[in-house]
C-alpha atoms as a PDB file:
ATOM      1  CA  MET A   1      40.485  38.911 -44.530  1.00  0.00           C
ATOM      2  CA  ILE A   2      43.545  36.443 -45.911  1.00  0.00           C
ATOM      3  CA  LYS A   3      46.643  37.893 -45.152  1.00  0.00           C
ATOM      4  CA  GLY A   4      49.174  34.927 -46.501  1.00  0.00           C
ATOM      5  CA  CYS A   5      50.120  31.588 -45.929  1.00  0.00           C
ATOM      6  CA  GLY A   6      53.680  30.586 -45.250  1.00  0.00           C
ATOM      7  CA  ASN A   7      56.253  33.221 -46.802  1.00  0.00           C
ATOM      8  CA  VAL A   8      53.328  34.177 -49.295  1.00  0.00           C
ATOM      9  CA  THR A   9      51.557  37.490 -48.509  1.00  0.00           C
ATOM     10  CA  PHE A  10      48.388  38.855 -50.188  1.00  0.00           C
ATOM     11  CA  ALA A  11      47.115  42.672 -50.596  1.00  0.00           C
ATOM     12  CA  THR A  12      43.604  42.147 -51.602  1.00  0.00           C
ATOM     13  CA  MET A  13      40.945  39.171 -50.872  1.00  0.00           C
ATOM     14  CA  GLU A  14      40.512  38.815 -54.490  1.00  0.00           C
ATOM     15  CA  GLU A  15      44.264  38.222 -55.002  1.00  0.00           C
ATOM     16  CA  ALA A  16      44.115  35.644 -52.120  1.00  0.00           C
ATOM     17  CA  CYS A  17      41.275  33.653 -53.878  1.00  0.00           C
ATOM     18  CA  ALA A  18      42.992  33.883 -57.071  1.00  0.00           C
ATOM     19  CA  ASN A  19      46.319  32.374 -55.560  1.00  0.00           C
ATOM     20  CA  MET A  20      44.684  30.022 -52.856  1.00  0.00           C
ATOM     21  CA  HIS A  21      46.571  27.137 -54.489  1.00  0.00           C
ATOM     22  CA  GLN A  22      49.680  28.242 -53.379  1.00  0.00           C
ATOM     23  CA  CYS A  23      48.525  27.908 -49.844  1.00  0.00           C
ATOM     24  CA  GLU A  24      47.469  24.309 -49.830  1.00  0.00           C
ATOM     25  CA  GLY A  25      48.638  22.448 -46.946  1.00  0.00           C
ATOM     26  CA  LEU A  26      49.625  25.509 -44.934  1.00  0.00           C
ATOM     27  CA  PRO A  27      47.863  27.580 -42.186  1.00  0.00           C
ATOM     28  CA  LEU A  28      46.199  30.831 -43.415  1.00  0.00           C
ATOM     29  CA  GLU A  29      47.212  34.150 -41.664  1.00  0.00           C
ATOM     30  CA  LEU A  30      43.860  35.670 -41.047  1.00  0.00           C
ATOM     31  CA  GLU A  31      43.086  39.200 -40.190  1.00  0.00           C
ATOM     32  CA  SER A  32      39.692  39.732 -38.527  1.00  0.00           C
ATOM     33  CA  GLN A  33      37.959  41.938 -35.924  1.00  0.00           C
ATOM     34  CA  PHE A  34      35.424  38.994 -34.770  1.00  0.00           C
ATOM     35  CA  TYR A  35      36.208  35.393 -35.056  1.00  0.00           C
ATOM     36  CA  SER A  36      33.249  34.089 -37.023  1.00  0.00           C
ATOM     37  CA  VAL A  37      32.217  30.823 -38.179  1.00  0.00           C
ATOM     38  CA  ASN A  38      33.683  31.062 -41.618  1.00  0.00           C
ATOM     39  CA  GLU A  39      37.087  31.577 -39.741  1.00  0.00           C
ATOM     40  CA  GLU A  40      36.554  28.708 -37.488  1.00  0.00           C
ATOM     41  CA  TRP A  41      35.835  26.178 -40.507  1.00  0.00           C
ATOM     42  CA  ASP A  42      37.819  27.950 -43.272  1.00  0.00           C
ATOM     43  CA  ILE A  43      34.767  29.014 -45.486  1.00  0.00           C
ATOM     44  CA  HIS A  44      36.896  31.074 -47.640  1.00  0.00           C
ATOM     45  CA  CYS A  45      36.674  31.917 -51.441  1.00  0.00           C
ATOM     46  CA  GLU A  46      35.334  29.044 -53.467  1.00  0.00           C
ATOM     47  CA  ARG A  47      33.721  27.610 -50.441  1.00  0.00           C
ATOM     48  CA  ARG A  48      31.760  30.710 -49.805  1.00  0.00           C
ATOM     49  CA  TYR A  49      28.946  28.941 -51.458  1.00  0.00           C
ATOM     50  CA  LEU A  50      28.654  26.999 -48.062  1.00  0.00           C
ATOM     51  CA  GLU A  51      28.012  30.179 -46.182  1.00  0.00           C
ATOM     52  CA  ARG A  52      25.184  31.510 -48.526  1.00  0.00           C
ATOM     53  CA  ARG A  53      23.540  27.992 -48.597  1.00  0.00           C
ATOM     54  CA  SER A  54      23.573  27.993 -44.782  1.00  0.00           C
ATOM     55  CA  THR A  55      22.192  31.642 -44.584  1.00  0.00           C
ATOM     56  CA  SER A  56      19.226  30.723 -46.834  1.00  0.00           C
ATOM     57  CA  LEU A  57      18.476  27.788 -45.047  1.00  0.00           C
ATOM     58  CA  GLN A  58      18.125  29.620 -41.853  1.00  0.00           C
ATOM     59  CA  MET A  59      16.041  32.297 -43.398  1.00  0.00           C
ATOM     60  CA  PHE A  60      14.101  29.670 -44.858  1.00  0.00           C
ATOM     61  CA  GLY A  61      13.298  28.487 -41.301  1.00  0.00           C
ATOM     62  CA  VAL A  62      12.277  32.251 -40.516  1.00  0.00           C
ATOM     63  CA  MET A  63       9.924  32.045 -43.231  1.00  0.00           C
ATOM     64  CA  ILE A  64       8.372  28.741 -42.084  1.00  0.00           C
ATOM     65  CA  GLY A  65       8.052  30.231 -38.521  1.00  0.00           C
ATOM     66  CA  SER A  66       6.252  33.501 -39.817  1.00  0.00           C
ATOM     67  CA  LEU A  67       3.661  31.553 -41.697  1.00  0.00           C
ATOM     68  CA  SER A  68       2.999  28.940 -39.388  1.00  0.00           C
ATOM     69  CA  SER A  69       2.768  31.331 -36.247  1.00  0.00           C
ATOM     70  CA  GLY A  70      -0.250  33.198 -37.476  1.00  0.00           C
ATOM     71  CA  GLN A  71      -2.624  30.397 -37.586  1.00  0.00           C
ATOM     72  CA  ILE A  72      -1.120  29.258 -34.048  1.00  0.00           C
ATOM     73  CA  SER A  73      -1.642  32.504 -32.274  1.00  0.00           C
ATOM     74  CA  SER A  74      -4.989  33.184 -33.688  1.00  0.00           C
ATOM     75  CA  SER A  75      -6.004  29.746 -32.163  1.00  0.00           C
ATOM     76  CA  PHE A  76      -4.071  29.397 -28.982  1.00  0.00           C
ATOM     77  CA  GLY A  77      -3.448  33.380 -28.250  1.00  0.00           C
ATOM     78  CA  ARG A  78      -0.623  35.563 -28.347  1.00  0.00           C
ATOM     79  CA  LYS A  79       1.111  34.898 -24.978  1.00  0.00           C
ATOM     80  CA  LYS A  80       1.730  31.050 -25.292  1.00  0.00           C
ATOM     81  CA  PRO A  81       3.598  31.137 -28.532  1.00  0.00           C
ATOM     82  CA  MET A  82       5.707  34.248 -27.733  1.00  0.00           C
ATOM     83  CA  VAL A  83       6.786  32.618 -24.422  1.00  0.00           C
ATOM     84  CA  ILE A  84       7.469  29.263 -26.304  1.00  0.00           C
ATOM     85  CA  CYS A  85       9.377  30.916 -29.040  1.00  0.00           C
ATOM     86  CA  LEU A  86      11.262  32.974 -27.146  1.00  0.00           C
ATOM     87  CA  ALA A  87      12.441  30.214 -24.708  1.00  0.00           C
ATOM     88  CA  MET A  88      13.313  28.006 -27.650  1.00  0.00           C
ATOM     89  CA  THR A  89      15.470  30.534 -29.189  1.00  0.00           C
ATOM     90  CA  GLY A  90      17.521  30.774 -26.314  1.00  0.00           C
ATOM     91  CA  ILE A  91      17.980  27.210 -25.862  1.00  0.00           C
ATOM     92  CA  LEU A  92      18.778  26.712 -29.482  1.00  0.00           C
ATOM     93  CA  SER A  93      21.332  29.561 -29.160  1.00  0.00           C
ATOM     94  CA  PHE A  94      23.048  27.948 -26.077  1.00  0.00           C
ATOM     95  CA  ALA A  95      22.929  24.601 -28.251  1.00  0.00           C
ATOM     96  CA  THR A  96      24.925  26.447 -31.335  1.00  0.00           C
ATOM     97  CA  TYR A  97      27.905  26.818 -28.800  1.00  0.00           C
ATOM     98  CA  PHE A  98      28.391  23.052 -28.985  1.00  0.00           C
ATOM     99  CA  VAL A  99      28.572  22.485 -32.463  1.00  0.00           C
ATOM    100  CA  ASN A 100      31.249  20.867 -34.663  1.00  0.00           C
ATOM    101  CA  ASP A 101      30.803  21.586 -37.925  1.00  0.00           C
ATOM    102  CA  LEU A 102      28.715  23.670 -40.416  1.00  0.00           C
ATOM    103  CA  ILE A 103      26.223  21.003 -40.920  1.00  0.00           C
ATOM    104  CA  GLN A 104      25.270  21.081 -37.416  1.00  0.00           C
ATOM    105  CA  PHE A 105      25.324  24.578 -37.045  1.00  0.00           C
ATOM    106  CA  THR A 106      22.868  25.041 -40.069  1.00  0.00           C
ATOM    107  CA  ILE A 107      20.483  22.467 -38.671  1.00  0.00           C
ATOM    108  CA  ILE A 108      19.982  24.209 -35.326  1.00  0.00           C
ATOM    109  CA  ARG A 109      20.063  27.606 -36.754  1.00  0.00           C
ATOM    110  CA  PHE A 110      17.193  26.702 -39.158  1.00  0.00           C
ATOM    111  CA  VAL A 111      15.098  25.240 -36.286  1.00  0.00           C
ATOM    112  CA  LEU A 112      15.926  28.638 -34.514  1.00  0.00           C
ATOM    113  CA  GLY A 113      14.997  30.582 -37.300  1.00  0.00           C
ATOM    114  CA  ILE A 114      11.566  28.916 -37.240  1.00  0.00           C
ATOM    115  CA  PHE A 115      11.172  30.007 -33.470  1.00  0.00           C
ATOM    116  CA  THR A 116      12.548  33.505 -34.408  1.00  0.00           C
ATOM    117  CA  GLY A 117      10.250  33.974 -37.097  1.00  0.00           C
ATOM    118  CA  GLY A 118       7.263  32.766 -35.158  1.00  0.00           C
ATOM    119  CA  HIS A 119       8.051  35.404 -32.270  1.00  0.00           C
ATOM    120  CA  SER A 120       8.820  38.215 -34.382  1.00  0.00           C
ATOM    121  CA  THR A 121       5.551  37.966 -36.071  1.00  0.00           C
ATOM    122  CA  VAL A 122       3.541  37.441 -32.799  1.00  0.00           C
ATOM    123  CA  VAL A 123       5.481  39.896 -30.722  1.00  0.00           C
ATOM    124  CA  MET A 124       4.407  42.765 -33.451  1.00  0.00           C
ATOM    125  CA  VAL A 125       0.802  41.936 -33.334  1.00  0.00           C
ATOM    126  CA  TYR A 126       0.792  41.736 -29.364  1.00  0.00           C
ATOM    127  CA  LEU A 127       2.261  45.202 -29.303  1.00  0.00           C
ATOM    128  CA  LEU A 128      -0.439  46.415 -31.503  1.00  0.00           C
ATOM    129  CA  GLU A 129      -3.214  45.241 -29.430  1.00  0.00           C
ATOM    130  CA  ASN A 130      -1.773  46.519 -26.197  1.00  0.00           C
ATOM    131  CA  ILE A 131      -0.471  50.126 -26.684  1.00  0.00           C
ATOM    132  CA  PRO A 132      -2.632  53.080 -27.829  1.00  0.00           C
ATOM    133  CA  LYS A 133      -2.415  54.370 -31.201  1.00  0.00           C
ATOM    134  CA  LYS A 134      -0.592  57.667 -30.313  1.00  0.00           C
ATOM    135  CA  SER A 135       2.274  55.392 -29.008  1.00  0.00           C
ATOM    136  CA  ARG A 136       2.428  52.825 -31.632  1.00  0.00           C
ATOM    137  CA  MET A 137       4.695  54.593 -33.956  1.00  0.00           C
ATOM    138  CA  TRP A 138       7.862  55.346 -31.584  1.00  0.00           C
ATOM    139  CA  ILE A 139       7.335  52.089 -29.698  1.00  0.00           C
ATOM    140  CA  ASN A 140       7.498  49.826 -32.879  1.00  0.00           C
ATOM    141  CA  THR A 141      10.570  51.956 -33.821  1.00  0.00           C
ATOM    142  CA  ALA A 142      12.394  51.501 -30.242  1.00  0.00           C
ATOM    143  CA  ILE A 143      11.537  47.683 -30.447  1.00  0.00           C
ATOM    144  CA  SER A 144      12.405  47.118 -33.869  1.00  0.00           C
ATOM    145  CA  TYR A 145      15.767  45.404 -35.353  1.00  0.00           C
ATOM    146  CA  SER A 146      17.676  48.788 -36.104  1.00  0.00           C
ATOM    147  CA  PRO A 147      18.313  49.970 -32.630  1.00  0.00           C
ATOM    148  CA  ASN A 148      19.002  46.632 -31.355  1.00  0.00           C
ATOM    149  CA  VAL A 149      21.470  45.724 -33.822  1.00  0.00           C
ATOM    150  CA  ILE A 150      23.657  48.510 -32.140  1.00  0.00           C
ATOM    151  CA  ILE A 151      23.147  46.755 -28.884  1.00  0.00           C
ATOM    152  CA  LEU A 152      24.304  43.784 -30.413  1.00  0.00           C
ATOM    153  CA  GLY A 153      27.309  45.457 -32.101  1.00  0.00           C
ATOM    154  CA  ILE A 154      28.363  46.612 -28.562  1.00  0.00           C
ATOM    155  CA  ILE A 155      28.082  43.043 -27.226  1.00  0.00           C
ATOM    156  CA  ALA A 156      29.864  41.580 -29.934  1.00  0.00           C
ATOM    157  CA  TYR A 157      32.896  44.154 -29.215  1.00  0.00           C
ATOM    158  CA  PHE A 158      33.275  42.519 -25.838  1.00  0.00           C
ATOM    159  CA  PHE A 159      32.591  38.881 -26.738  1.00  0.00           C
ATOM    160  CA  GLN A 160      34.706  38.563 -30.206  1.00  0.00           C
ATOM    161  CA  HIS A 161      34.199  34.940 -30.841  1.00  0.00           C
ATOM    162  CA  TRP A 162      30.906  33.633 -32.269  1.00  0.00           C
ATOM    163  CA  ARG A 163      30.778  30.892 -29.542  1.00  0.00           C
ATOM    164  CA  SER A 164      31.022  33.243 -26.547  1.00  0.00           C
ATOM    165  CA  LEU A 165      28.488  35.502 -28.287  1.00  0.00           C
ATOM    166  CA  ALA A 166      25.943  32.834 -28.721  1.00  0.00           C
ATOM    167  CA  LEU A 167      26.289  31.935 -24.963  1.00  0.00           C
ATOM    168  CA  VAL A 168      25.836  35.688 -23.943  1.00  0.00           C
ATOM    169  CA  ILE A 169      22.758  36.078 -26.254  1.00  0.00           C
ATOM    170  CA  SER A 170      21.391  32.843 -24.815  1.00  0.00           C
ATOM    171  CA  ALA A 171      21.836  34.323 -21.169  1.00  0.00           C
ATOM    172  CA  LEU A 172      19.897  37.364 -22.047  1.00  0.00           C
ATOM    173  CA  HIS A 173      17.023  35.235 -22.845  1.00  0.00           C
ATOM    174  CA  ILE A 174      16.598  34.059 -19.390  1.00  0.00           C
ATOM    175  CA  PRO A 175      15.154  37.522 -17.958  1.00  0.00           C
ATOM    176  CA  ALA A 176      13.425  37.973 -21.143  1.00  0.00           C
ATOM    177  CA  VAL A 177      11.320  34.796 -20.478  1.00  0.00           C
ATOM    178  CA  ILE A 178      10.909  35.253 -16.970  1.00  0.00           C
ATOM    179  CA  LEU A 179       9.391  38.968 -17.496  1.00  0.00           C
ATOM    180  CA  MET A 180       7.225  37.669 -20.300  1.00  0.00           C
ATOM    181  CA  LEU A 181       5.659  35.021 -18.208  1.00  0.00           C
ATOM    182  CA  TYR A 182       4.322  37.936 -16.234  1.00  0.00           C
ATOM    183  CA  LEU A 183       2.283  39.631 -19.266  1.00  0.00           C
ATOM    184  CA  HIS A 184      -1.132  39.239 -19.632  1.00  0.00           C
ATOM    185  CA  GLU A 185      -3.070  37.604 -22.732  1.00  0.00           C
ATOM    186  CA  SER A 186      -4.143  39.903 -25.490  1.00  0.00           C
ATOM    187  CA  PRO A 187      -7.861  41.430 -24.290  1.00  0.00           C
ATOM    188  CA  ARG A 188      -8.766  41.791 -28.025  1.00  0.00           C
ATOM    189  CA  TRP A 189      -8.240  38.183 -28.703  1.00  0.00           C
ATOM    190  CA  LEU A 190     -10.042  36.955 -25.376  1.00  0.00           C
ATOM    191  CA  VAL A 191     -12.772  39.199 -26.713  1.00  0.00           C
ATOM    192  CA  HIS A 192     -12.961  37.459 -30.263  1.00  0.00           C
ATOM    193  CA  ARG A 193     -12.655  34.190 -28.665  1.00  0.00           C
ATOM    194  CA  GLY A 194     -15.474  34.715 -26.251  1.00  0.00           C
ATOM    195  CA  LYS A 195     -13.708  34.923 -23.326  1.00  0.00           C
ATOM    196  CA  ILE A 196     -15.373  37.826 -21.771  1.00  0.00           C
ATOM    197  CA  THR A 197     -14.635  37.442 -17.911  1.00  0.00           C
ATOM    198  CA  GLU A 198     -10.824  37.086 -18.634  1.00  0.00           C
ATOM    199  CA  ALA A 199     -10.812  39.959 -20.901  1.00  0.00           C
ATOM    200  CA  ARG A 200     -12.422  42.231 -18.171  1.00  0.00           C
ATOM    201  CA  ARG A 201     -10.000  41.215 -15.474  1.00  0.00           C
ATOM    202  CA  VAL A 202      -7.104  41.968 -17.947  1.00  0.00           C
ATOM    203  CA  ILE A 203      -8.574  45.245 -18.894  1.00  0.00           C
ATOM    204  CA  LEU A 204      -9.241  46.276 -15.448  1.00  0.00           C
ATOM    205  CA  SER A 205      -5.362  45.218 -14.384  1.00  0.00           C
ATOM    206  CA  ILE A 206      -4.075  47.019 -17.250  1.00  0.00           C
ATOM    207  CA  ALA A 207      -5.903  50.142 -15.858  1.00  0.00           C
ATOM    208  CA  HIS A 208      -4.881  49.406 -12.373  1.00  0.00           C
ATOM    209  CA  ILE A 209      -1.120  49.567 -13.493  1.00  0.00           C
ATOM    210  CA  ASP A 210      -1.605  52.565 -15.483  1.00  0.00           C
ATOM    211  CA  GLY A 211      -3.098  54.268 -12.247  1.00  0.00           C
ATOM    212  CA  ASP A 212      -6.577  54.754 -14.536  1.00  0.00           C
ATOM    213  CA  LYS A 213      -8.611  52.194 -12.819  1.00  0.00           C
ATOM    214  CA  ALA A 214     -10.788  55.087 -11.266  1.00  0.00           C
ATOM    215  CA  LYS A 215     -11.361  56.506 -14.494  1.00  0.00           C
ATOM    216  CA  ILE A 216     -13.090  53.282 -15.914  1.00  0.00           C
ATOM    217  CA  ASP A 217     -16.765  52.750 -15.442  1.00  0.00           C
ATOM    218  CA  GLU A 218     -17.204  49.136 -14.896  1.00  0.00           C
ATOM    219  CA  LYS A 219     -20.749  49.202 -16.014  1.00  0.00           C
ATOM    220  CA  VAL A 220     -19.895  50.584 -19.349  1.00  0.00           C
ATOM    221  CA  LEU A 221     -17.127  48.499 -19.802  1.00  0.00           C
ATOM    222  CA  ASP A 222     -19.183  45.460 -18.986  1.00  0.00           C
ATOM    223  CA  LYS A 223     -21.891  46.816 -21.509  1.00  0.00           C
ATOM    224  CA  ILE A 224     -19.251  46.908 -24.093  1.00  0.00           C
ATOM    225  CA  LEU A 225     -17.751  43.551 -23.591  1.00  0.00           C
ATOM    226  CA  GLN A 226     -21.250  42.053 -23.667  1.00  0.00           C
ATOM    227  CA  HIS A 227     -21.791  43.733 -27.066  1.00  0.00           C
ATOM    228  CA  GLU A 228     -18.468  42.411 -28.512  1.00  0.00           C
ATOM    229  CA  HIS A 229     -19.683  39.081 -27.032  1.00  0.00           C
ATOM    230  CA  VAL A 230     -22.843  39.226 -28.882  1.00  0.00           C
ATOM    231  CA  GLN A 231     -20.918  40.154 -32.025  1.00  0.00           C
ATOM    232  CA  PHE A 232     -18.852  37.021 -31.479  1.00  0.00           C
ATOM    233  CA  GLU A 233     -21.746  34.873 -30.949  1.00  0.00           C
ATOM    234  CA  ILE A 234     -23.338  35.982 -34.043  1.00  0.00           C
ATOM    235  CA  GLN A 235     -20.186  35.259 -36.251  1.00  0.00           C
ATOM    236  CA  GLY A 236     -19.915  31.898 -34.899  1.00  0.00           C
ATOM    237  CA  LYS A 237     -17.082  30.344 -33.021  1.00  0.00           C
ATOM    238  CA  LYS A 238     -15.198  29.778 -36.165  1.00  0.00           C
ATOM    239  CA  ARG A 239     -11.317  29.242 -36.557  1.00  0.00           C
ATOM    240  CA  HIS A 240      -9.943  31.198 -39.201  1.00  0.00           C
ATOM    241  CA  THR A 241      -7.402  29.858 -41.630  1.00  0.00           C
ATOM    242  CA  TYR A 242      -5.388  31.596 -44.847  1.00  0.00           C
ATOM    243  CA  TRP A 243      -8.561  30.221 -46.889  1.00  0.00           C
ATOM    244  CA  HIS A 244     -10.533  32.722 -45.256  1.00  0.00           C
ATOM    245  CA  VAL A 245      -8.156  35.591 -45.851  1.00  0.00           C
ATOM    246  CA  PHE A 246      -7.829  35.094 -49.690  1.00  0.00           C
ATOM    247  CA  ARG A 247     -11.236  33.811 -50.383  1.00  0.00           C
ATOM    248  CA  LYS A 248     -12.409  37.587 -49.796  1.00  0.00           C
ATOM    249  CA  ALA A 249     -11.234  40.165 -52.344  1.00  0.00           C
ATOM    250  CA  HIS A 250     -11.300  42.789 -49.666  1.00  0.00           C
ATOM    251  CA  LEU A 251      -8.809  41.095 -47.748  1.00  0.00           C
ATOM    252  CA  ALA A 252      -6.728  39.307 -50.262  1.00  0.00           C
ATOM    253  CA  LEU A 253      -6.032  42.493 -52.403  1.00  0.00           C
ATOM    254  CA  PRO A 254      -4.507  44.795 -49.793  1.00  0.00           C
ATOM    255  CA  LEU A 255      -2.887  41.865 -48.276  1.00  0.00           C
ATOM    256  CA  CYS A 256      -0.896  41.022 -51.257  1.00  0.00           C
ATOM    257  CA  VAL A 257      -0.393  44.707 -51.916  1.00  0.00           C
ATOM    258  CA  ILE A 258       1.364  45.063 -48.756  1.00  0.00           C
ATOM    259  CA  ALA A 259       3.409  41.726 -49.082  1.00  0.00           C
ATOM    260  CA  PHE A 260       4.940  43.027 -52.153  1.00  0.00           C
ATOM    261  CA  SER A 261       5.537  46.392 -50.854  1.00  0.00           C
ATOM    262  CA  LEU A 262       7.764  44.375 -47.997  1.00  0.00           C
ATOM    263  CA  GLU A 263       9.094  42.282 -50.129  1.00  0.00           C
ATOM    264  CA  CYS A 264      10.816  44.936 -52.525  1.00  0.00           C
ATOM    265  CA  PRO A 265      11.361  48.479 -51.255  1.00  0.00           C
ATOM    266  CA  GLN A 266      12.992  47.971 -47.617  1.00  0.00           C
ATOM    267  CA  PHE A 267      12.544  51.719 -46.469  1.00  0.00           C
ATOM    268  CA  GLN A 268       8.864  50.868 -45.819  1.00  0.00           C
ATOM    269  CA  ILE A 269       9.554  48.150 -43.438  1.00  0.00           C
ATOM    270  CA  VAL A 270       8.604  50.474 -40.225  1.00  0.00           C
ATOM    271  CA  ILE A 271       5.335  51.951 -41.466  1.00  0.00           C
ATOM    272  CA  VAL A 272       4.012  49.323 -43.587  1.00  0.00           C
ATOM    273  CA  ASP A 273       5.195  46.130 -41.301  1.00  0.00           C
ATOM    274  CA  SER A 274       4.590  47.577 -37.873  1.00  0.00           C
ATOM    275  CA  VAL A 275       1.410  50.069 -38.436  1.00  0.00           C
ATOM    276  CA  THR A 276      -0.368  49.671 -41.666  1.00  0.00           C
ATOM    277  CA  CYS A 277      -0.647  45.966 -41.905  1.00  0.00           C
ATOM    278  CA  ASN A 278      -1.754  45.761 -38.126  1.00  0.00           C
ATOM    279  CA  GLU A 279      -4.422  48.358 -38.629  1.00  0.00           C
ATOM    280  CA  LEU A 280      -5.951  47.289 -41.834  1.00  0.00           C
ATOM    281  CA  PHE A 281      -7.314  43.669 -40.868  1.00  0.00           C
ATOM    282  CA  PRO A 282      -9.688  42.594 -38.358  1.00  0.00           C
ATOM    283  CA  THR A 283      -8.619  40.868 -34.833  1.00  0.00           C
ATOM    284  CA  SER A 284      -9.773  37.508 -36.243  1.00  0.00           C
ATOM    285  CA  VAL A 285      -7.302  37.127 -39.108  1.00  0.00           C
ATOM    286  CA  ARG A 286      -4.705  39.716 -38.111  1.00  0.00           C
ATOM    287  CA  THR A 287      -1.966  37.454 -37.294  1.00  0.00           C
ATOM    288  CA  LEU A 288      -2.771  35.377 -40.247  1.00  0.00           C
ATOM    289  CA  CYS A 289      -2.311  38.334 -42.680  1.00  0.00           C
ATOM    290  CA  TYR A 290       0.869  39.734 -40.636  1.00  0.00           C
ATOM    291  CA  SER A 291       2.495  36.351 -40.953  1.00  0.00           C
ATOM    292  CA  PHE A 292       1.857  36.059 -44.647  1.00  0.00           C
ATOM    293  CA  VAL A 293       3.422  39.526 -44.889  1.00  0.00           C
ATOM    294  CA  GLN A 294       6.392  38.279 -42.937  1.00  0.00           C
ATOM    295  CA  LEU A 295       6.667  35.315 -45.393  1.00  0.00           C
ATOM    296  CA  CYS A 296       6.964  37.453 -48.343  1.00  0.00           C
ATOM    297  CA  SER A 297       9.463  40.032 -46.682  1.00  0.00           C
ATOM    298  CA  ARG A 298      11.866  36.724 -46.069  1.00  0.00           C
ATOM    299  CA  LEU A 299      11.910  35.923 -49.653  1.00  0.00           C
ATOM    300  CA  GLY A 300      14.383  38.513 -50.565  1.00  0.00           C
ATOM    301  CA  ILE A 301      16.686  37.372 -47.535  1.00  0.00           C
ATOM    302  CA  VAL A 302      16.664  34.063 -48.799  1.00  0.00           C
ATOM    303  CA  ILE A 303      17.500  34.678 -52.281  1.00  0.00           C
ATOM    304  CA  ALA A 304      19.987  37.477 -51.792  1.00  0.00           C
ATOM    305  CA  PRO A 305      22.930  35.425 -50.985  1.00  0.00           C
ATOM    306  CA  HIS A 306      22.837  33.725 -54.198  1.00  0.00           C
ATOM    307  CA  VAL A 307      21.935  36.577 -56.493  1.00  0.00           C
ATOM    308  CA  PHE A 308      24.604  38.917 -54.694  1.00  0.00           C
ATOM    309  CA  SER A 309      27.367  36.024 -54.583  1.00  0.00           C
END
């Protein structure tokens, strides 16, 4: 908030903006709990449109990442895109510490948004394909944005400068990337791609970690995987694209309905975004469908800064 300048004081932000001409050439007296980008580069009052433009561009980057990651993860697996996206968000977060103006900040954050959108899309599908149905709801709730925003607020309380906060967030990516390197590929994706031997190894490894390896009949497992492999061969080793999603009404119609429900009522995010969308569509096009839904869910974020300005 702008408290005043020189010998002039303001009671409200509206009063400050209306009388900003009195502060021309004088340093502004600001009151804030967090030293933000707006404060560093004097983005106040009539210059607030720069903030809205920057926010929209960053969210547009998230849209691009959400849309493109579906095709990428369907072609190259879930693990590699997740690791690359997470590593790049850490590197780009570190890079924002060194920017000198809003243009540089927006460009870097736009690219960061691409990798953020990509990671958030793939990780939700990866969770679905690796956790049992009975645990999906609470895990998706615990690892969603809402509880982690609380943690971010606590971190921001101790690092009350946006540059310091960017460095801390970047540093937190290091253990996350290291741990993610030890993750296995999604067995469902491996089976779909015809990599039966690797899928078998991953499933047995998961069972060993869970202490359930003794409960698995490996002969039955081999038969199941072989059956899936036969189904895969029947379908053909075909790479799916968005065209395959939208040309079939039984996929396109529910996809559009879900996308619309995410674009408008935010209270449906946890149920629709984390569970319904993932369970409605087959493995071969799941990330394509999920990334399209994510694209639509970002539209409101891109437009909102300008609508409510």
